[in-house]
Full PDB file with SEQRES, HELIX, SHEET, SSBOND, CRYST1, ORIGX, SCALE, CONECT and MASTER records, all heavy atoms in Angstrom:
SEQRES   1 A   35  ASP ILE ILE THR LYS TRP ASN ALA ARG GLU ASP THR THR          
SEQRES   2 A   35  SER TRP TYR ALA HIS LYS ILE ARG ASP ALA TRP ILE SER          
SEQRES   3 A   35  GLU ALA ALA GLU LYS LEU ASP ALA ARG                          
HELIX    1 AA1 ILE A    2  ALA A    8  1                                   7    
HELIX    2 AA2 TRP A   15  ASP A   33  1                                  19    
CRYST1    1.000    1.000    1.000  90.00  90.00  90.00 P 1           1          
ORIGX1      1.000000  0.000000  0.000000        0.00000                         
ORIGX2      0.000000  1.000000  0.000000        0.00000                         
ORIGX3      0.000000  0.000000  1.000000        0.00000                         
SCALE1      1.000000  0.000000  0.000000        0.00000                         
SCALE2      0.000000  1.000000  0.000000        0.00000                         
SCALE3      0.000000  0.000000  1.000000        0.00000                         
ATOM      1  N   ASP A   1       0.410  -2.027 -10.051  1.00  0.00           N  
ATOM      2  CA  ASP A   1       0.532  -0.586  -9.782  1.00  0.00           C  
ATOM      3  C   ASP A   1       0.949  -0.333  -8.331  1.00  0.00           C  
ATOM      4  O   ASP A   1       1.806   0.515  -8.064  1.00  0.00           O  
ATOM      5  CB  ASP A   1      -0.792   0.128 -10.060  1.00  0.00           C  
ATOM      6  CG  ASP A   1      -1.102   0.239 -11.537  1.00  0.00           C  
ATOM      7  OD1 ASP A   1      -0.192   0.008 -12.363  1.00  0.00           O  
ATOM      8  OD2 ASP A   1      -2.272   0.538 -11.868  1.00  0.00           O  
ATOM      9  N   ILE A   2       0.351  -1.075  -7.398  1.00  0.00           N  
ATOM     10  CA  ILE A   2       0.692  -0.901  -5.980  1.00  0.00           C  
ATOM     11  C   ILE A   2       2.138  -1.318  -5.740  1.00  0.00           C  
ATOM     12  O   ILE A   2       2.893  -0.619  -5.043  1.00  0.00           O  
ATOM     13  CB  ILE A   2      -0.281  -1.702  -5.095  1.00  0.00           C  
ATOM     14  CG1 ILE A   2      -1.678  -1.095  -5.177  1.00  0.00           C  
ATOM     15  CG2 ILE A   2       0.199  -1.729  -3.648  1.00  0.00           C  
ATOM     16  CD1 ILE A   2      -2.754  -1.919  -4.507  1.00  0.00           C  
ATOM     17  N   ILE A   3       2.553  -2.443  -6.322  1.00  0.00           N  
ATOM     18  CA  ILE A   3       3.937  -2.915  -6.152  1.00  0.00           C  
ATOM     19  C   ILE A   3       4.913  -1.902  -6.743  1.00  0.00           C  
ATOM     20  O   ILE A   3       5.953  -1.589  -6.140  1.00  0.00           O  
ATOM     21  CB  ILE A   3       4.113  -4.304  -6.790  1.00  0.00           C  
ATOM     22  CG1 ILE A   3       3.314  -5.344  -6.002  1.00  0.00           C  
ATOM     23  CG2 ILE A   3       5.578  -4.710  -6.863  1.00  0.00           C  
ATOM     24  CD1 ILE A   3       3.215  -6.696  -6.676  1.00  0.00           C  
ATOM     25  N   THR A   4       4.593  -1.351  -7.906  1.00  0.00           N  
ATOM     26  CA  THR A   4       5.457  -0.353  -8.547  1.00  0.00           C  
ATOM     27  C   THR A   4       5.581   0.893  -7.680  1.00  0.00           C  
ATOM     28  O   THR A   4       6.682   1.422  -7.495  1.00  0.00           O  
ATOM     29  CB  THR A   4       4.908   0.004  -9.934  1.00  0.00           C  
ATOM     30  OG1 THR A   4       4.793  -1.191 -10.708  1.00  0.00           O  
ATOM     31  CG2 THR A   4       5.797   0.995 -10.647  1.00  0.00           C  
ATOM     32  N   LYS A   5       4.448   1.350  -7.130  1.00  0.00           N  
ATOM     33  CA  LYS A   5       4.490   2.535  -6.258  1.00  0.00           C  
ATOM     34  C   LYS A   5       5.308   2.249  -5.000  1.00  0.00           C  
ATOM     35  O   LYS A   5       6.066   3.109  -4.542  1.00  0.00           O  
ATOM     36  CB  LYS A   5       3.070   2.975  -5.871  1.00  0.00           C  
ATOM     37  CG  LYS A   5       2.299   3.646  -6.991  1.00  0.00           C  
ATOM     38  CD  LYS A   5       1.035   4.319  -6.505  1.00  0.00           C  
ATOM     39  CE  LYS A   5       0.001   3.371  -5.994  1.00  0.00           C  
ATOM     40  NZ  LYS A   5      -1.293   3.981  -5.667  1.00  0.00           N  
ATOM     41  N   TRP A   6       5.168   1.062  -4.442  1.00  0.00           N  
ATOM     42  CA  TRP A   6       5.915   0.719  -3.223  1.00  0.00           C  
ATOM     43  C   TRP A   6       7.413   0.645  -3.505  1.00  0.00           C  
ATOM     44  O   TRP A   6       8.219   1.151  -2.737  1.00  0.00           O  
ATOM     45  CB  TRP A   6       5.412  -0.598  -2.652  1.00  0.00           C  
ATOM     46  CG  TRP A   6       6.143  -1.030  -1.414  1.00  0.00           C  
ATOM     47  CD1 TRP A   6       7.039  -2.038  -1.311  1.00  0.00           C  
ATOM     48  CD2 TRP A   6       6.052  -0.444  -0.113  1.00  0.00           C  
ATOM     49  NE1 TRP A   6       7.497  -2.132  -0.029  1.00  0.00           N  
ATOM     50  CE2 TRP A   6       6.916  -1.162   0.739  1.00  0.00           C  
ATOM     51  CE3 TRP A   6       5.331   0.619   0.417  1.00  0.00           C  
ATOM     52  CZ2 TRP A   6       7.074  -0.856   2.086  1.00  0.00           C  
ATOM     53  CZ3 TRP A   6       5.481   0.920   1.758  1.00  0.00           C  
ATOM     54  CH2 TRP A   6       6.344   0.190   2.579  1.00  0.00           C  
ATOM     55  N   ASN A   7       7.772   0.007  -4.615  1.00  0.00           N  
ATOM     56  CA  ASN A   7       9.186  -0.121  -4.958  1.00  0.00           C  
ATOM     57  C   ASN A   7       9.806   1.218  -5.354  1.00  0.00           C  
ATOM     58  O   ASN A   7      11.018   1.391  -5.236  1.00  0.00           O  
ATOM     59  CB  ASN A   7       9.384  -1.149  -6.073  1.00  0.00           C  
ATOM     60  CG  ASN A   7       9.104  -2.563  -5.593  1.00  0.00           C  
ATOM     61  OD1 ASN A   7       9.210  -2.857  -4.408  1.00  0.00           O  
ATOM     62  ND2 ASN A   7       8.725  -3.422  -6.517  1.00  0.00           N  
ATOM     63  N   ALA A   8       8.994   2.158  -5.815  1.00  0.00           N  
ATOM     64  CA  ALA A   8       9.505   3.472  -6.199  1.00  0.00           C  
ATOM     65  C   ALA A   8       9.760   4.373  -4.979  1.00  0.00           C  
ATOM     66  O   ALA A   8      10.463   5.376  -5.089  1.00  0.00           O  
ATOM     67  CB  ALA A   8       8.527   4.158  -7.149  1.00  0.00           C  
ATOM     68  N   ARG A   9       9.216   4.002  -3.842  1.00  0.00           N  
ATOM     69  CA  ARG A   9       9.412   4.806  -2.628  1.00  0.00           C  
ATOM     70  C   ARG A   9      10.843   4.666  -2.139  1.00  0.00           C  
ATOM     71  O   ARG A   9      11.418   3.584  -2.142  1.00  0.00           O  
ATOM     72  CB  ARG A   9       8.461   4.361  -1.516  1.00  0.00           C  
ATOM     73  CG  ARG A   9       7.006   4.691  -1.768  1.00  0.00           C  
ATOM     74  CD  ARG A   9       6.162   4.301  -0.563  1.00  0.00           C  
ATOM     75  NE  ARG A   9       6.638   4.906   0.672  1.00  0.00           N  
ATOM     76  CZ  ARG A   9       6.300   6.114   1.119  1.00  0.00           C  
ATOM     77  NH1 ARG A   9       5.508   6.864   0.412  1.00  0.00           N  
ATOM     78  NH2 ARG A   9       6.784   6.568   2.261  1.00  0.00           N  
ATOM     79  N   GLU A  10      11.400   5.771  -1.702  1.00  0.00           N  
ATOM     80  CA  GLU A  10      12.731   5.735  -1.109  1.00  0.00           C  
ATOM     81  C   GLU A  10      12.649   5.223   0.328  1.00  0.00           C  
ATOM     82  O   GLU A  10      13.507   4.479   0.783  1.00  0.00           O  
ATOM     83  CB  GLU A  10      13.375   7.119  -1.135  1.00  0.00           C  
ATOM     84  CG  GLU A  10      13.728   7.585  -2.529  1.00  0.00           C  
ATOM     85  CD  GLU A  10      14.328   8.976  -2.516  1.00  0.00           C  
ATOM     86  OE1 GLU A  10      14.799   9.433  -1.454  1.00  0.00           O  
ATOM     87  OE2 GLU A  10      14.332   9.603  -3.587  1.00  0.00           O  
ATOM     88  N   ASP A  11      11.597   5.638   1.032  1.00  0.00           N  
ATOM     89  CA  ASP A  11      11.430   5.263   2.429  1.00  0.00           C  
ATOM     90  C   ASP A  11      10.414   4.120   2.512  1.00  0.00           C  
ATOM     91  O   ASP A  11       9.236   4.295   2.226  1.00  0.00           O  
ATOM     92  CB  ASP A  11      10.928   6.466   3.221  1.00  0.00           C  
ATOM     93  CG  ASP A  11      10.568   6.104   4.646  1.00  0.00           C  
ATOM     94  OD1 ASP A  11      11.168   5.152   5.183  1.00  0.00           O  
ATOM     95  OD2 ASP A  11       9.685   6.774   5.215  1.00  0.00           O  
ATOM     96  N   THR A  12      10.875   2.929   2.882  1.00  0.00           N  
ATOM     97  CA  THR A  12       9.964   1.800   3.067  1.00  0.00           C  
ATOM     98  C   THR A  12      10.058   1.229   4.478  1.00  0.00           C  
ATOM     99  O   THR A  12       9.488   0.172   4.743  1.00  0.00           O  
ATOM    100  CB  THR A  12      10.268   0.678   2.054  1.00  0.00           C  
ATOM    101  OG1 THR A  12      11.618   0.263   2.232  1.00  0.00           O  
ATOM    102  CG2 THR A  12      10.021   1.124   0.634  1.00  0.00           C  
ATOM    103  N   THR A  13      10.767   1.914   5.363  1.00  0.00           N  
ATOM    104  CA  THR A  13      10.985   1.369   6.703  1.00  0.00           C  
ATOM    105  C   THR A  13      10.336   2.177   7.811  1.00  0.00           C  
ATOM    106  O   THR A  13      10.162   1.656   8.911  1.00  0.00           O  
ATOM    107  CB  THR A  13      12.497   1.268   6.995  1.00  0.00           C  
ATOM    108  OG1 THR A  13      13.083   2.562   6.866  1.00  0.00           O  
ATOM    109  CG2 THR A  13      13.167   0.300   6.032  1.00  0.00           C  
ATOM    110  N   SER A  14       9.969   3.407   7.548  1.00  0.00           N  
ATOM    111  CA  SER A  14       9.427   4.244   8.624  1.00  0.00           C  
ATOM    112  C   SER A  14       7.982   3.850   8.949  1.00  0.00           C  
ATOM    113  O   SER A  14       7.325   3.114   8.217  1.00  0.00           O  
ATOM    114  CB  SER A  14       9.468   5.720   8.219  1.00  0.00           C  
ATOM    115  OG  SER A  14       8.521   5.977   7.208  1.00  0.00           O  
ATOM    116  N   TRP A  15       7.525   4.384  10.054  1.00  0.00           N  
ATOM    117  CA  TRP A  15       6.146   4.151  10.478  1.00  0.00           C  
ATOM    118  C   TRP A  15       5.177   4.676   9.422  1.00  0.00           C  
ATOM    119  O   TRP A  15       4.181   4.017   9.110  1.00  0.00           O  
ATOM    120  CB  TRP A  15       5.927   4.843  11.822  1.00  0.00           C  
ATOM    121  CG  TRP A  15       4.553   4.648  12.381  1.00  0.00           C  
ATOM    122  CD1 TRP A  15       4.120   3.591  13.104  1.00  0.00           C  
ATOM    123  CD2 TRP A  15       3.436   5.541  12.246  1.00  0.00           C  
ATOM    124  NE1 TRP A  15       2.804   3.754  13.445  1.00  0.00           N  
ATOM    125  CE2 TRP A  15       2.355   4.950  12.923  1.00  0.00           C  
ATOM    126  CE3 TRP A  15       3.249   6.769  11.625  1.00  0.00           C  
ATOM    127  CZ2 TRP A  15       1.115   5.541  12.999  1.00  0.00           C  
ATOM    128  CZ3 TRP A  15       2.007   7.356  11.693  1.00  0.00           C  
ATOM    129  CH2 TRP A  15       0.953   6.750  12.380  1.00  0.00           C  
ATOM    130  N   TYR A  16       5.470   5.865   8.856  1.00  0.00           N  
ATOM    131  CA  TYR A  16       4.607   6.459   7.826  1.00  0.00           C  
ATOM    132  C   TYR A  16       4.558   5.584   6.584  1.00  0.00           C  
ATOM    133  O   TYR A  16       3.494   5.400   5.987  1.00  0.00           O  
ATOM    134  CB  TYR A  16       5.089   7.872   7.473  1.00  0.00           C  
ATOM    135  CG  TYR A  16       4.934   8.845   8.604  1.00  0.00           C  
ATOM    136  CD1 TYR A  16       6.030   9.301   9.311  1.00  0.00           C  
ATOM    137  CD2 TYR A  16       3.676   9.302   8.984  1.00  0.00           C  
ATOM    138  CE1 TYR A  16       5.893  10.183  10.365  1.00  0.00           C  
ATOM    139  CE2 TYR A  16       3.515  10.176  10.040  1.00  0.00           C  
ATOM    140  CZ  TYR A  16       4.626  10.617  10.723  1.00  0.00           C  
ATOM    141  OH  TYR A  16       4.474  11.480  11.774  1.00  0.00           O  
ATOM    142  N   ALA A  17       5.696   5.038   6.192  1.00  0.00           N  
ATOM    143  CA  ALA A  17       5.734   4.166   5.016  1.00  0.00           C  
ATOM    144  C   ALA A  17       4.872   2.924   5.241  1.00  0.00           C  
ATOM    145  O   ALA A  17       4.143   2.496   4.336  1.00  0.00           O  
ATOM    146  CB  ALA A  17       7.173   3.765   4.705  1.00  0.00           C  
ATOM    147  N   HIS A  18       4.917   2.369   6.429  1.00  0.00           N  
ATOM    148  CA  HIS A  18       4.109   1.182   6.720  1.00  0.00           C  
ATOM    149  C   HIS A  18       2.619   1.511   6.746  1.00  0.00           C  
ATOM    150  O   HIS A  18       1.792   0.678   6.335  1.00  0.00           O  
ATOM    151  CB  HIS A  18       4.552   0.545   8.037  1.00  0.00           C  
ATOM    152  CG  HIS A  18       5.888  -0.128   7.930  1.00  0.00           C  
ATOM    153  ND1 HIS A  18       6.063  -1.327   7.281  1.00  0.00           N  
ATOM    154  CD2 HIS A  18       7.116   0.240   8.358  1.00  0.00           C  
ATOM    155  CE1 HIS A  18       7.335  -1.673   7.330  1.00  0.00           C  
ATOM    156  NE2 HIS A  18       8.002  -0.728   7.969  1.00  0.00           N  
ATOM    157  N   LYS A  19       2.284   2.704   7.191  1.00  0.00           N  
ATOM    158  CA  LYS A  19       0.868   3.113   7.182  1.00  0.00           C  
ATOM    159  C   LYS A  19       0.381   3.321   5.752  1.00  0.00           C  
ATOM    160  O   LYS A  19      -0.762   2.984   5.425  1.00  0.00           O  
ATOM    161  CB  LYS A  19       0.652   4.385   8.020  1.00  0.00           C  
ATOM    162  CG  LYS A  19       0.847   4.166   9.494  1.00  0.00           C  
ATOM    163  CD  LYS A  19      -0.071   3.061   9.989  1.00  0.00           C  
ATOM    164  CE  LYS A  19       0.286   2.623  11.386  1.00  0.00           C  
ATOM    165  NZ  LYS A  19      -0.418   1.415  11.779  1.00  0.00           N  
ATOM    166  N   ILE A  20       1.235   3.867   4.894  1.00  0.00           N  
ATOM    167  CA  ILE A  20       0.878   4.024   3.474  1.00  0.00           C  
ATOM    168  C   ILE A  20       0.691   2.643   2.846  1.00  0.00           C  
ATOM    169  O   ILE A  20      -0.270   2.397   2.112  1.00  0.00           O  
ATOM    170  CB  ILE A  20       1.941   4.852   2.739  1.00  0.00           C  
ATOM    171  CG1 ILE A  20       1.882   6.311   3.199  1.00  0.00           C  
ATOM    172  CG2 ILE A  20       1.775   4.755   1.222  1.00  0.00           C  
ATOM    173  CD1 ILE A  20       3.018   7.175   2.719  1.00  0.00           C  
ATOM    174  N   ARG A  21       1.607   1.729   3.148  1.00  0.00           N  
ATOM    175  CA  ARG A  21       1.515   0.349   2.649  1.00  0.00           C  
ATOM    176  C   ARG A  21       0.209  -0.289   3.103  1.00  0.00           C  
ATOM    177  O   ARG A  21      -0.509  -0.903   2.315  1.00  0.00           O  
ATOM    178  CB  ARG A  21       2.716  -0.451   3.160  1.00  0.00           C  
ATOM    179  CG  ARG A  21       2.696  -1.916   2.827  1.00  0.00           C  
ATOM    180  CD  ARG A  21       3.884  -2.613   3.517  1.00  0.00           C  
ATOM    181  NE  ARG A  21       3.897  -4.024   3.269  1.00  0.00           N  
ATOM    182  CZ  ARG A  21       3.308  -4.920   4.046  1.00  0.00           C  
ATOM    183  NH1 ARG A  21       2.646  -4.544   5.119  1.00  0.00           N  
ATOM    184  NH2 ARG A  21       3.390  -6.199   3.740  1.00  0.00           N  
ATOM    185  N   ASP A  22      -0.114  -0.126   4.391  1.00  0.00           N  
ATOM    186  CA  ASP A  22      -1.353  -0.695   4.924  1.00  0.00           C  
ATOM    187  C   ASP A  22      -2.586  -0.086   4.251  1.00  0.00           C  
ATOM    188  O   ASP A  22      -3.571  -0.785   3.993  1.00  0.00           O  
ATOM    189  CB  ASP A  22      -1.434  -0.480   6.434  1.00  0.00           C  
ATOM    190  CG  ASP A  22      -0.407  -1.298   7.200  1.00  0.00           C  
ATOM    191  OD1 ASP A  22       0.166  -2.242   6.608  1.00  0.00           O  
ATOM    192  OD2 ASP A  22      -0.172  -0.972   8.387  1.00  0.00           O  
ATOM    193  N   ALA A  23      -2.523   1.213   3.966  1.00  0.00           N  
ATOM    194  CA  ALA A  23      -3.653   1.868   3.289  1.00  0.00           C  
ATOM    195  C   ALA A  23      -3.835   1.323   1.874  1.00  0.00           C  
ATOM    196  O   ALA A  23      -4.962   1.069   1.436  1.00  0.00           O  
ATOM    197  CB  ALA A  23      -3.437   3.380   3.248  1.00  0.00           C  
ATOM    198  N   TRP A  24      -2.735   1.132   1.150  1.00  0.00           N  
ATOM    199  CA  TRP A  24      -2.826   0.575  -0.205  1.00  0.00           C  
ATOM    200  C   TRP A  24      -3.369  -0.852  -0.173  1.00  0.00           C  
ATOM    201  O   TRP A  24      -4.185  -1.230  -1.007  1.00  0.00           O  
ATOM    202  CB  TRP A  24      -1.462   0.603  -0.885  1.00  0.00           C  
ATOM    203  CG  TRP A  24      -0.997   1.969  -1.281  1.00  0.00           C  
ATOM    204  CD1 TRP A  24      -1.760   3.089  -1.421  1.00  0.00           C  
ATOM    205  CD2 TRP A  24       0.327   2.365  -1.589  1.00  0.00           C  
ATOM    206  NE1 TRP A  24      -0.976   4.161  -1.789  1.00  0.00           N  
ATOM    207  CE2 TRP A  24       0.311   3.737  -1.910  1.00  0.00           C  
ATOM    208  CE3 TRP A  24       1.549   1.687  -1.619  1.00  0.00           C  
ATOM    209  CZ2 TRP A  24       1.447   4.442  -2.267  1.00  0.00           C  
ATOM    210  CZ3 TRP A  24       2.690   2.398  -1.973  1.00  0.00           C  
ATOM    211  CH2 TRP A  24       2.635   3.753  -2.299  1.00  0.00           C  
ATOM    212  N   ILE A  25      -2.914  -1.628   0.788  1.00  0.00           N  
ATOM    213  CA  ILE A  25      -3.412  -3.004   0.926  1.00  0.00           C  
ATOM    214  C   ILE A  25      -4.899  -2.990   1.264  1.00  0.00           C  
ATOM    215  O   ILE A  25      -5.684  -3.775   0.727  1.00  0.00           O  
ATOM    216  CB  ILE A  25      -2.591  -3.767   1.989  1.00  0.00           C  
ATOM    217  CG1 ILE A  25      -1.177  -4.028   1.472  1.00  0.00           C  
ATOM    218  CG2 ILE A  25      -3.274  -5.074   2.369  1.00  0.00           C  
ATOM    219  CD1 ILE A  25      -0.219  -4.574   2.514  1.00  0.00           C  
ATOM    220  N   SER A  26      -5.293  -2.090   2.144  1.00  0.00           N  
ATOM    221  CA  SER A  26      -6.699  -1.981   2.534  1.00  0.00           C  
ATOM    222  C   SER A  26      -7.586  -1.583   1.349  1.00  0.00           C  
ATOM    223  O   SER A  26      -8.679  -2.134   1.171  1.00  0.00           O  
ATOM    224  CB  SER A  26      -6.842  -0.974   3.667  1.00  0.00           C  
ATOM    225  OG  SER A  26      -8.173  -0.821   4.034  1.00  0.00           O  
ATOM    226  N   GLU A  27      -7.123  -0.631   0.545  1.00  0.00           N  
ATOM    227  CA  GLU A  27      -7.886  -0.226  -0.643  1.00  0.00           C  
ATOM    228  C   GLU A  27      -8.027  -1.391  -1.621  1.00  0.00           C  
ATOM    229  O   GLU A  27      -9.107  -1.607  -2.191  1.00  0.00           O  
ATOM    230  CB  GLU A  27      -7.215   0.958  -1.327  1.00  0.00           C  
ATOM    231  CG  GLU A  27      -7.336   2.256  -0.574  1.00  0.00           C  
ATOM    232  CD  GLU A  27      -6.490   3.377  -1.176  1.00  0.00           C  
ATOM    233  OE1 GLU A  27      -5.910   3.169  -2.274  1.00  0.00           O  
ATOM    234  OE2 GLU A  27      -6.408   4.442  -0.560  1.00  0.00           O  
ATOM    235  N   ALA A  28      -6.949  -2.126  -1.820  1.00  0.00           N  
ATOM    236  CA  ALA A  28      -7.001  -3.277  -2.725  1.00  0.00           C  
ATOM    237  C   ALA A  28      -7.926  -4.363  -2.174  1.00  0.00           C  
ATOM    238  O   ALA A  28      -8.700  -4.968  -2.919  1.00  0.00           O  
ATOM    239  CB  ALA A  28      -5.600  -3.835  -2.954  1.00  0.00           C  
ATOM    240  N   ALA A  29      -7.867  -4.592  -0.871  1.00  0.00           N  
ATOM    241  CA  ALA A  29      -8.733  -5.592  -0.244  1.00  0.00           C  
ATOM    242  C   ALA A  29     -10.198  -5.201  -0.371  1.00  0.00           C  
ATOM    243  O   ALA A  29     -11.066  -6.060  -0.592  1.00  0.00           O  
ATOM    244  CB  ALA A  29      -8.356  -5.768   1.221  1.00  0.00           C  
ATOM    245  N   GLU A  30     -10.467  -3.911  -0.256  1.00  0.00           N  
ATOM    246  CA  GLU A  30     -11.841  -3.438  -0.411  1.00  0.00           C  
ATOM    247  C   GLU A  30     -12.349  -3.692  -1.826  1.00  0.00           C  
ATOM    248  O   GLU A  30     -13.493  -4.108  -2.030  1.00  0.00           O  
ATOM    249  CB  GLU A  30     -11.907  -1.943  -0.078  1.00  0.00           C  
ATOM    250  CG  GLU A  30     -13.306  -1.408   0.020  1.00  0.00           C  
ATOM    251  CD  GLU A  30     -13.321   0.047   0.458  1.00  0.00           C  
ATOM    252  OE1 GLU A  30     -12.527   0.422   1.327  1.00  0.00           O  
ATOM    253  OE2 GLU A  30     -14.136   0.799  -0.105  1.00  0.00           O  
ATOM    254  N   LYS A  31     -11.492  -3.468  -2.812  1.00  0.00           N  
ATOM    255  CA  LYS A  31     -11.873  -3.755  -4.201  1.00  0.00           C  
ATOM    256  C   LYS A  31     -12.093  -5.246  -4.411  1.00  0.00           C  
ATOM    257  O   LYS A  31     -12.994  -5.648  -5.143  1.00  0.00           O  
ATOM    258  CB  LYS A  31     -10.794  -3.243  -5.159  1.00  0.00           C  
ATOM    259  CG  LYS A  31     -10.736  -1.745  -5.260  1.00  0.00           C  
ATOM    260  CD  LYS A  31      -9.606  -1.302  -6.172  1.00  0.00           C  
ATOM    261  CE  LYS A  31      -9.477   0.210  -6.171  1.00  0.00           C  
ATOM    262  NZ  LYS A  31      -8.321   0.664  -6.964  1.00  0.00           N  
ATOM    263  N   LEU A  32     -11.255  -6.058  -3.778  1.00  0.00           N  
ATOM    264  CA  LEU A  32     -11.405  -7.513  -3.913  1.00  0.00           C  
ATOM    265  C   LEU A  32     -12.686  -8.018  -3.255  1.00  0.00           C  
ATOM    266  O   LEU A  32     -13.343  -8.917  -3.770  1.00  0.00           O  
ATOM    267  CB  LEU A  32     -10.194  -8.226  -3.296  1.00  0.00           C  
ATOM    268  CG  LEU A  32      -8.914  -8.232  -4.115  1.00  0.00           C  
ATOM    269  CD1 LEU A  32      -7.756  -8.722  -3.258  1.00  0.00           C  
ATOM    270  CD2 LEU A  32      -9.067  -9.093  -5.350  1.00  0.00           C  
ATOM    271  N   ASP A  33     -13.034  -7.455  -2.122  1.00  0.00           N  
ATOM    272  CA  ASP A  33     -14.195  -7.918  -1.367  1.00  0.00           C  
ATOM    273  C   ASP A  33     -15.521  -7.366  -1.886  1.00  0.00           C  
ATOM    274  O   ASP A  33     -16.584  -7.773  -1.403  1.00  0.00           O  
ATOM    275  CB  ASP A  33     -14.052  -7.538   0.110  1.00  0.00           C  
ATOM    276  CG  ASP A  33     -13.037  -8.389   0.825  1.00  0.00           C  
ATOM    277  OD1 ASP A  33     -12.807  -9.540   0.405  1.00  0.00           O  
ATOM    278  OD2 ASP A  33     -12.446  -7.895   1.818  1.00  0.00           O  
ATOM    279  N   ALA A  34     -15.459  -6.458  -2.846  1.00  0.00           N  
ATOM    280  CA  ALA A  34     -16.689  -5.843  -3.355  1.00  0.00           C  
ATOM    281  C   ALA A  34     -17.633  -6.920  -3.884  1.00  0.00           C  
ATOM    282  O   ALA A  34     -17.223  -7.828  -4.607  1.00  0.00           O  
ATOM    283  CB  ALA A  34     -16.361  -4.844  -4.463  1.00  0.00           C  
ATOM    284  N   ARG A  35     -18.865  -6.852  -3.500  1.00  0.00           N  
ATOM    285  CA  ARG A  35     -19.955  -7.715  -3.942  1.00  0.00           C  
ATOM    286  C   ARG A  35     -19.891  -9.163  -3.451  1.00  0.00           C  
ATOM    287  O   ARG A  35     -20.755  -9.958  -3.785  1.00  0.00           O  
ATOM    288  CB  ARG A  35     -20.102  -7.667  -5.460  1.00  0.00           C  
ATOM    289  CG  ARG A  35     -20.604  -6.307  -5.938  1.00  0.00           C  
ATOM    290  CD  ARG A  35     -20.743  -6.234  -7.412  1.00  0.00           C  
ATOM    291  NE  ARG A  35     -19.576  -5.853  -8.168  1.00  0.00           N  
ATOM    292  CZ  ARG A  35     -18.920  -4.706  -8.089  1.00  0.00           C  
ATOM    293  NH1 ARG A  35     -19.305  -3.798  -7.244  1.00  0.00           N  
ATOM    294  NH2 ARG A  35     -17.884  -4.449  -8.841  1.00  0.00           N  
TER     295      ARG A  35                                                      
MASTER        0    0    0    2    0    0    0    6  294    1    0    3          
END                                                                             
């Protein structure tokens, strides 16, 4: 789902796009680290 959302974005190079990418990675990492 995260990869699909990232690939669907038109803008993947701006600072905002990288912050969105980092947020998605952080959310996924939090789910992975749970417990």
